[in-house]
Amino acid sequence: MSLYSVSSRFLPRLAESHTPVVQATLLLTTGTTVDLAVTGGSVTVDRSQAIRRTCTVTIADPSLIPRTASNQLATYGAQLRISRGVTYGSPDDVELVPLGVFRLDSVGGDVSAGPVTLQGKDLSAIVADDKFTAAYTASGTVVSAVTAIIQRSIPTAAVVSSITDQAIGRRTFDVGADAWAGAQEIAAAAGAEVYANPDGVFVIATLPDLATATPVWTIAATEDGAYISATRSMASDGVFNGILASGENTTDNAPPVSYLAVDNDPNSPTYWSGPYGRRPDFFSSATLTTTTACQQAATLKLAQAKAPNAAGDISSLPNPALEPGDVLRVQHEDESKELHQVASFSVPLDIGGDFPIATISAKEDA
């Protein structure tokens, strides 16, 4: 989870006067590709949703509405690839950033005059919809088990991991269970997340620590900055200072194990023995078969659960290179600074669209 790799020119260009470039390609099941003349829409990226990336694309041409059996066959299972970027002074000097690879889920509009709206979900939707039709047992390690579930539905899927892999106990999923939820549960046993990135690659990673991560972008309320507006709020909902991770695996004949990780820093506002009180959360999985595994899962989850209980909603000039978990430095009009961690955002596919960013947590920055 970090800012998509861009050139040194890209971020400064976002704050300058420029015409954004949007590219959307429809990949039909016949192998035919169709370049779409996009007139509007957006790509929404939200870490809190099981399907992290969704898209809505508006075009003028009604001919893409499937009205015959052959057109329907070509459209069912089709994919969308969407990018947004900038030009550097000439039409040929363009830098594009991918916003996602999406399964096309719907096409509709006025069959005579248009416009036409296409909607899609990222490739994790393919795994989610391919529910288990027989009992399925995951085993081995976190990475191998998550990879097996994903490639069960998408054999050619690329899966990359940045976590320290660990062994898991066998976990059997019942008929009808959500395979994507199963992959997420197994990743969570290592305190990690699994998601499809903008390139359509599946990633297993942990959420960066706001306290130590390097900011990837500065949003400044200056003449050459990308800042438009920002709000700041504090709430204790969803902020926990203890995580009890537990596991019991009858399949492997492993006895119950557990570990309670707590915020033991007296200087922390969520100190376990402080005025914040004790607010534990719980995580249980049959994949956890040792106290060490429980400790690792609880410790990593606690780092996220006790994130500073402040959040913000930022409006800035659009940055398609962002990723949930990225840490931003925000400089307000009064010159005060804060660090924010990205939770969700929506990238417009038209010129002049707003770019709201919701954050997981925030803290003052020197």
Protein backbone atom coordinates (compact mmCIF):
# COMPACT_ATOMS: atom_id res chain seq x y z
CA MET A 1 0.00 0.00 0.00
CA SER A 2 1.79 3.02 -1.28
CA LEU A 3 1.40 5.71 -3.88
CA TYR A 4 1.42 4.24 -7.38
CA SER A 5 4.84 4.70 -8.95
CA VAL A 6 4.89 7.95 -10.92
CA SER A 7 7.56 10.22 -12.35
CA SER A 8 8.99 13.16 -10.42
CA ARG A 9 6.94 15.47 -12.65
CA PHE A 10 3.56 13.94 -11.86
CA LEU A 11 2.64 15.25 -8.39
CA PRO A 12 3.71 18.86 -9.06
CA ARG A 13 1.73 18.79 -12.31
CA LEU A 14 -1.49 17.94 -10.46
CA ALA A 15 -1.49 21.37 -8.81
CA GLU A 16 -0.84 23.19 -12.09
CA SER A 17 -3.39 24.18 -14.71
CA HIS A 18 -3.75 21.16 -16.99
CA THR A 19 -6.28 19.08 -18.85
CA PRO A 20 -6.61 15.61 -17.32
CA VAL A 21 -6.43 12.60 -19.61
CA VAL A 22 -8.81 9.68 -19.10
CA GLN A 23 -8.44 6.37 -20.87
CA ALA A 24 -11.00 3.55 -20.66
CA THR A 25 -10.81 0.34 -22.64
CA LEU A 26 -13.49 -2.33 -22.84
CA LEU A 27 -12.12 -5.86 -23.29
CA LEU A 28 -14.84 -8.09 -24.73
CA THR A 29 -14.75 -11.86 -24.29
CA THR A 30 -14.16 -12.24 -28.04
CA GLY A 31 -10.75 -10.63 -27.64
CA THR A 32 -11.92 -7.38 -29.20
CA THR A 33 -10.94 -4.16 -27.41
CA VAL A 34 -13.02 -1.00 -27.58
CA ASP A 35 -11.60 2.39 -26.65
CA LEU A 36 -14.35 4.36 -24.94
CA ALA A 37 -14.92 8.08 -25.35
CA VAL A 38 -15.59 8.84 -21.68
CA THR A 39 -17.86 11.76 -20.85
CA GLY A 40 -18.13 11.23 -17.09
CA GLY A 41 -18.18 8.83 -14.19
CA SER A 42 -15.83 7.96 -11.37
CA VAL A 43 -13.73 5.24 -9.77
CA THR A 44 -14.40 4.78 -6.07
CA VAL A 45 -11.76 3.16 -3.86
CA ASP A 46 -12.81 2.23 -0.32
CA ARG A 47 -10.75 0.15 2.09
CA SER A 48 -13.81 -0.61 4.26
CA GLN A 49 -15.58 -2.48 1.46
CA ALA A 50 -14.93 -6.13 0.63
CA ILE A 51 -14.76 -5.17 -3.06
CA ARG A 52 -12.31 -2.28 -2.80
CA ARG A 53 -12.65 -0.68 -6.26
CA THR A 54 -15.83 0.04 -8.21
CA CYS A 55 -16.42 2.16 -11.28
CA THR A 56 -19.12 4.04 -13.15
CA VAL A 57 -18.30 5.15 -16.69
CA THR A 58 -20.52 7.33 -18.87
CA ILE A 59 -20.21 7.40 -22.66
CA ALA A 60 -22.35 8.94 -25.39
CA ASP A 61 -22.42 6.00 -27.86
CA PRO A 62 -25.52 3.77 -27.39
CA SER A 63 -24.18 1.08 -29.74
CA LEU A 64 -22.45 -0.61 -26.81
CA ILE A 65 -25.77 -1.62 -25.25
CA PRO A 66 -25.94 -5.39 -25.92
CA ARG A 67 -29.23 -6.11 -27.76
CA THR A 68 -28.50 -9.42 -29.51
CA ALA A 69 -27.52 -12.81 -28.16
CA SER A 70 -24.00 -12.52 -29.63
CA ASN A 71 -23.51 -9.07 -28.15
CA GLN A 72 -24.69 -10.31 -24.76
CA LEU A 73 -22.28 -13.24 -24.96
CA ALA A 74 -19.41 -10.88 -25.72
CA THR A 75 -20.40 -8.54 -22.89
CA TYR A 76 -20.94 -11.05 -20.09
CA GLY A 77 -17.50 -11.50 -18.56
CA ALA A 78 -16.03 -8.44 -20.27
CA GLN A 79 -13.57 -6.23 -18.42
CA LEU A 80 -12.83 -2.52 -18.18
CA ARG A 81 -9.37 -0.99 -17.78
CA ILE A 82 -9.42 2.62 -16.65
CA SER A 83 -6.59 5.13 -16.26
CA ARG A 84 -6.30 8.83 -15.55
CA GLY A 85 -3.29 11.07 -15.96
CA VAL A 86 -1.82 14.34 -17.13
CA THR A 87 -0.20 15.92 -20.16
CA TYR A 88 3.06 17.85 -20.02
CA GLY A 89 2.56 20.55 -22.61
CA SER A 90 1.97 18.43 -25.71
CA PRO A 91 -0.62 15.77 -26.60
CA ASP A 92 2.12 13.17 -26.99
CA ASP A 93 3.75 13.81 -23.61
CA VAL A 94 1.28 11.98 -21.37
CA GLU A 95 1.60 10.09 -18.09
CA LEU A 96 -1.26 7.75 -17.17
CA VAL A 97 -1.93 6.02 -13.86
CA PRO A 98 -4.14 2.91 -13.77
CA LEU A 99 -7.29 3.17 -11.67
CA GLY A 100 -8.28 -0.46 -11.86
CA VAL A 101 -9.24 -3.53 -13.84
CA PHE A 102 -12.97 -4.13 -13.49
CA ARG A 103 -15.41 -6.87 -14.31
CA LEU A 104 -18.19 -5.25 -16.32
CA ASP A 105 -21.42 -5.77 -14.39
CA SER A 106 -23.97 -3.61 -16.20
CA VAL A 107 -24.50 -1.58 -19.36
CA GLY A 108 -27.57 0.57 -19.83
CA GLY A 109 -28.97 3.75 -21.29
CA ASP A 110 -31.19 5.22 -23.99
CA VAL A 111 -30.87 2.84 -26.97
CA SER A 112 -31.32 5.66 -29.48
CA ALA A 113 -29.72 8.78 -28.06
CA GLY A 114 -27.60 7.64 -25.12
CA PRO A 115 -25.89 8.36 -22.84
CA VAL A 116 -24.79 4.90 -21.73
CA THR A 117 -23.59 3.99 -18.24
CA LEU A 118 -21.22 1.10 -17.58
CA GLN A 119 -20.62 -0.16 -14.06
CA GLY A 120 -18.06 -2.60 -12.76
CA LYS A 121 -16.29 -4.09 -9.76
CA ASP A 122 -12.63 -5.01 -9.36
CA LEU A 123 -11.50 -8.59 -9.97
CA SER A 124 -12.06 -9.66 -6.36
CA ALA A 125 -15.78 -9.76 -7.29
CA ILE A 126 -15.02 -12.81 -9.44
CA VAL A 127 -13.68 -14.62 -6.37
CA ALA A 128 -16.56 -13.43 -4.18
CA ASP A 129 -19.21 -14.68 -6.61
CA ASP A 130 -17.52 -18.07 -7.06
CA LYS A 131 -18.88 -19.46 -3.81
CA PHE A 132 -17.80 -22.89 -2.66
CA THR A 133 -19.97 -25.66 -4.15
CA ALA A 134 -18.26 -28.29 -2.01
CA ALA A 135 -16.55 -28.14 1.36
CA TYR A 136 -13.17 -26.47 0.88
CA THR A 137 -10.16 -26.80 3.18
CA ALA A 138 -7.43 -24.17 3.22
CA SER A 139 -4.04 -25.13 4.65
CA GLY A 140 -0.32 -24.45 4.43
CA THR A 141 0.68 -20.84 4.93
CA VAL A 142 -1.21 -17.55 4.76
CA VAL A 143 0.21 -16.66 1.34
CA SER A 144 -0.20 -20.10 -0.22
CA ALA A 145 -3.75 -20.50 1.11
CA VAL A 146 -4.90 -17.05 -0.05
CA THR A 147 -3.25 -17.60 -3.44
CA ALA A 148 -4.98 -20.97 -3.85
CA ILE A 149 -8.41 -19.48 -3.15
CA ILE A 150 -7.89 -16.63 -5.64
CA GLN A 151 -6.46 -18.86 -8.37
CA ARG A 152 -9.30 -21.32 -7.87
CA SER A 153 -11.50 -18.66 -9.47
CA ILE A 154 -8.92 -16.87 -11.64
CA PRO A 155 -6.18 -19.38 -12.57
CA THR A 156 -4.02 -16.71 -14.23
CA ALA A 157 -4.27 -14.24 -11.32
CA ALA A 158 -1.02 -12.72 -10.08
CA VAL A 159 -0.71 -12.62 -6.28
CA VAL A 160 2.09 -10.70 -4.54
CA SER A 161 2.83 -10.50 -0.83
CA SER A 162 4.82 -8.10 1.32
CA ILE A 163 4.10 -9.82 4.65
CA THR A 164 6.11 -12.26 6.72
CA ASP A 165 4.44 -15.52 5.80
CA GLN A 166 3.32 -17.91 8.51
CA ALA A 167 1.78 -21.35 8.82
CA ILE A 168 -1.94 -21.70 9.45
CA GLY A 169 -4.15 -24.41 10.82
CA ARG A 170 -6.49 -26.11 8.37
CA ARG A 171 -9.66 -24.08 7.84
CA THR A 172 -12.68 -25.77 6.27
CA PHE A 173 -15.30 -23.60 4.58
CA ASP A 174 -18.85 -24.87 4.14
CA VAL A 175 -20.79 -25.18 0.91
CA GLY A 176 -22.06 -21.75 -0.12
CA ALA A 177 -19.39 -19.83 1.79
CA ASP A 178 -17.96 -16.66 0.27
CA ALA A 179 -14.49 -17.51 -1.06
CA TRP A 180 -13.32 -13.89 -1.01
CA ALA A 181 -14.37 -13.52 2.63
CA GLY A 182 -12.38 -16.70 3.27
CA ALA A 183 -9.28 -15.21 1.67
CA GLN A 184 -9.69 -12.10 3.79
CA GLU A 185 -10.06 -14.16 6.96
CA ILE A 186 -6.85 -16.07 6.25
CA ALA A 187 -4.95 -12.85 5.50
CA ALA A 188 -6.29 -11.36 8.74
CA ALA A 189 -4.64 -14.23 10.64
CA ALA A 190 -1.36 -12.50 9.77
CA GLY A 191 -2.77 -9.06 10.54
CA ALA A 192 -2.90 -8.38 6.80
CA GLU A 193 -5.34 -7.37 4.10
CA VAL A 194 -5.88 -8.82 0.62
CA TYR A 195 -7.19 -6.73 -2.25
CA ALA A 196 -6.94 -6.16 -6.00
CA ASN A 197 -4.64 -3.27 -6.87
CA PRO A 198 -5.02 -0.81 -9.81
CA ASP A 199 -3.17 -3.20 -12.15
CA GLY A 200 -5.54 -6.05 -11.36
CA VAL A 201 -2.87 -7.81 -9.27
CA PHE A 202 -3.91 -9.28 -5.92
CA VAL A 203 -1.90 -7.96 -2.99
CA ILE A 204 -1.42 -9.33 0.53
CA ALA A 205 -0.09 -6.55 2.77
CA THR A 206 -0.35 -4.94 6.19
CA LEU A 207 -1.66 -1.43 6.73
CA PRO A 208 1.23 1.07 7.10
CA ASP A 209 1.72 2.50 10.58
CA LEU A 210 0.73 6.17 10.64
CA ALA A 211 3.34 6.84 13.33
CA THR A 212 6.28 5.68 11.21
CA ALA A 213 5.20 5.77 7.56
CA THR A 214 6.67 8.42 5.26
CA PRO A 215 4.06 10.77 3.74
CA VAL A 216 3.66 10.11 0.01
CA TRP A 217 2.03 13.43 -0.93
CA THR A 218 1.66 16.91 0.54
CA ILE A 219 -1.68 18.68 0.14
CA ALA A 220 -0.93 22.32 0.89
CA ALA A 221 -3.16 25.39 1.03
CA THR A 222 -0.58 27.41 -0.89
CA GLU A 223 -0.57 29.05 -4.31
CA ASP A 224 1.02 25.98 -5.88
CA GLY A 225 -0.74 23.43 -3.67
CA ALA A 226 -3.57 20.95 -4.31
CA TYR A 227 -5.61 21.86 -1.18
CA ILE A 228 -9.27 22.86 -1.60
CA SER A 229 -10.83 22.30 1.84
CA ALA A 230 -10.66 20.01 4.86
CA THR A 231 -12.56 19.07 7.99
CA ARG A 232 -11.30 17.43 11.18
CA SER A 233 -13.26 15.30 13.63
CA MET A 234 -12.69 13.06 16.62
CA ALA A 235 -14.68 9.98 17.55
CA SER A 236 -13.99 6.94 19.66
CA ASP A 237 -16.28 4.62 17.71
CA GLY A 238 -14.25 1.80 16.22
CA VAL A 239 -11.13 2.65 18.24
CA PHE A 240 -9.99 -0.27 20.41
CA ASN A 241 -7.07 -0.54 22.81
CA GLY A 242 -7.00 -4.30 23.10
CA ILE A 243 -7.32 -7.20 20.68
CA LEU A 244 -8.02 -10.75 21.84
CA ALA A 245 -7.05 -13.15 19.06
CA SER A 246 -8.08 -16.76 19.52
CA GLY A 247 -8.23 -20.00 17.65
CA GLU A 248 -9.52 -23.52 18.07
CA ASN A 249 -8.98 -26.11 15.38
CA THR A 250 -10.74 -29.43 15.86
CA THR A 251 -9.67 -30.53 12.34
CA ASP A 252 -6.03 -30.48 13.40
CA ASN A 253 -6.92 -31.59 16.92
CA ALA A 254 -5.32 -28.37 18.21
CA PRO A 255 -6.42 -27.10 21.63
CA PRO A 256 -7.83 -23.57 22.07
CA VAL A 257 -5.21 -20.81 22.07
CA SER A 258 -5.47 -17.07 22.56
CA TYR A 259 -3.49 -13.90 23.16
CA LEU A 260 -4.59 -10.47 24.39
CA ALA A 261 -2.57 -7.56 23.01
CA VAL A 262 -3.21 -4.20 24.68
CA ASP A 263 -2.02 -0.61 24.34
CA ASN A 264 0.49 -0.52 27.20
CA ASP A 265 1.96 2.91 26.45
CA PRO A 266 1.12 5.26 29.38
CA ASN A 267 1.58 8.24 27.06
CA SER A 268 -0.97 6.95 24.56
CA PRO A 269 -4.48 8.45 24.60
CA THR A 270 -5.84 4.90 24.32
CA TYR A 271 -3.69 3.46 27.12
CA TRP A 272 -5.30 0.22 28.36
CA SER A 273 -5.11 1.29 32.00
CA GLY A 274 -5.81 4.97 31.36
CA PRO A 275 -8.90 7.20 31.32
CA TYR A 276 -9.93 5.91 27.89
CA GLY A 277 -10.97 2.70 29.62
CA ARG A 278 -10.70 -0.85 28.40
CA ARG A 279 -12.20 -1.31 24.97
CA PRO A 280 -11.23 -4.71 23.56
CA ASP A 281 -12.12 -6.13 20.17
CA PHE A 282 -12.01 -9.80 19.20
CA PHE A 283 -10.70 -11.88 16.32
CA SER A 284 -11.16 -15.63 16.02
CA SER A 285 -10.08 -18.03 13.32
CA ALA A 286 -9.39 -21.75 13.05
CA THR A 287 -6.21 -20.80 11.17
CA LEU A 288 -4.66 -19.72 14.49
CA THR A 289 -3.30 -22.83 16.19
CA THR A 290 -0.49 -21.49 18.39
CA THR A 291 -0.17 -18.74 20.97
CA THR A 292 2.59 -17.20 18.87
CA ALA A 293 0.27 -16.99 15.87
CA CYS A 294 -2.41 -15.40 18.06
CA GLN A 295 0.13 -12.92 19.42
CA GLN A 296 1.25 -11.88 15.95
CA ALA A 297 -2.33 -11.45 14.69
CA ALA A 298 -3.40 -9.53 17.81
CA THR A 299 -0.36 -7.25 17.77
CA LEU A 300 -0.74 -6.31 14.11
CA LYS A 301 -4.47 -5.78 14.44
CA LEU A 302 -3.98 -3.65 17.55
CA ALA A 303 -1.73 -1.28 15.63
CA GLN A 304 -4.66 -0.57 13.34
CA ALA A 305 -7.40 -0.66 15.99
CA LYS A 306 -5.79 1.95 18.25
CA ALA A 307 -5.04 4.38 15.41
CA PRO A 308 -5.33 7.99 16.58
CA ASN A 309 -9.00 8.69 17.16
CA ALA A 310 -9.16 11.60 14.77
CA ALA A 311 -10.19 11.63 11.15
CA GLY A 312 -10.72 14.10 8.38
CA ASP A 313 -12.41 14.67 5.08
CA ILE A 314 -10.17 16.39 2.59
CA SER A 315 -11.04 17.87 -0.76
CA SER A 316 -8.11 18.38 -3.11
CA LEU A 317 -7.23 18.40 -6.76
CA PRO A 318 -7.53 14.79 -8.04
CA ASN A 319 -4.60 12.42 -7.57
CA PRO A 320 -5.23 9.07 -9.31
CA ALA A 321 -2.01 7.58 -7.89
CA LEU A 322 -3.30 7.33 -4.30
CA GLU A 323 -3.95 4.02 -2.53
CA PRO A 324 -5.85 3.36 0.73
CA GLY A 325 -3.35 3.32 3.58
CA ASP A 326 -1.19 6.04 2.05
CA VAL A 327 -0.09 8.70 4.52
CA LEU A 328 -0.63 12.32 3.46
CA ARG A 329 0.76 15.55 4.87
CA VAL A 330 -1.95 18.23 4.94
CA GLN A 331 -1.04 21.88 5.42
CA HIS A 332 -4.06 24.05 6.24
CA GLU A 333 -4.60 27.71 5.50
CA ASP A 334 -3.47 28.64 9.02
CA GLU A 335 -0.19 26.79 8.23
CA SER A 336 -0.91 24.03 10.77
CA LYS A 337 0.05 20.57 9.54
CA GLU A 338 -1.40 17.11 10.04
CA LEU A 339 -0.68 13.59 8.89
CA HIS A 340 -3.67 11.70 7.49
CA GLN A 341 -4.00 8.09 6.41
CA VAL A 342 -6.23 7.47 3.39
CA ALA A 343 -9.35 5.36 3.86
CA SER A 344 -11.32 6.06 0.69
CA PHE A 345 -11.59 8.41 -2.26
CA SER A 346 -13.39 8.83 -5.56
CA VAL A 347 -11.49 9.76 -8.72
CA PRO A 348 -13.61 11.70 -11.24
CA LEU A 349 -13.45 10.71 -14.90
CA ASP A 350 -14.46 14.15 -16.15
CA ILE A 351 -12.76 17.52 -16.11
CA GLY A 352 -13.15 19.56 -12.95
CA GLY A 353 -14.66 16.82 -10.82
CA ASP A 354 -14.30 17.01 -7.04
CA PHE A 355 -11.85 14.68 -5.28
CA PRO A 356 -12.99 13.89 -1.74
CA ILE A 357 -10.62 11.88 0.47
CA ALA A 358 -11.82 10.26 3.72
CA THR A 359 -9.10 9.30 6.18
CA ILE A 360 -8.71 6.46 8.66
CA SER A 361 -6.88 8.52 11.24
CA ALA A 362 -4.90 11.69 11.68
CA LYS A 363 -2.37 13.27 13.98
CA GLU A 364 -0.60 16.58 14.35
CA ASP A 365 2.56 17.00 12.33
CA ALA A 366 5.55 19.08 13.37
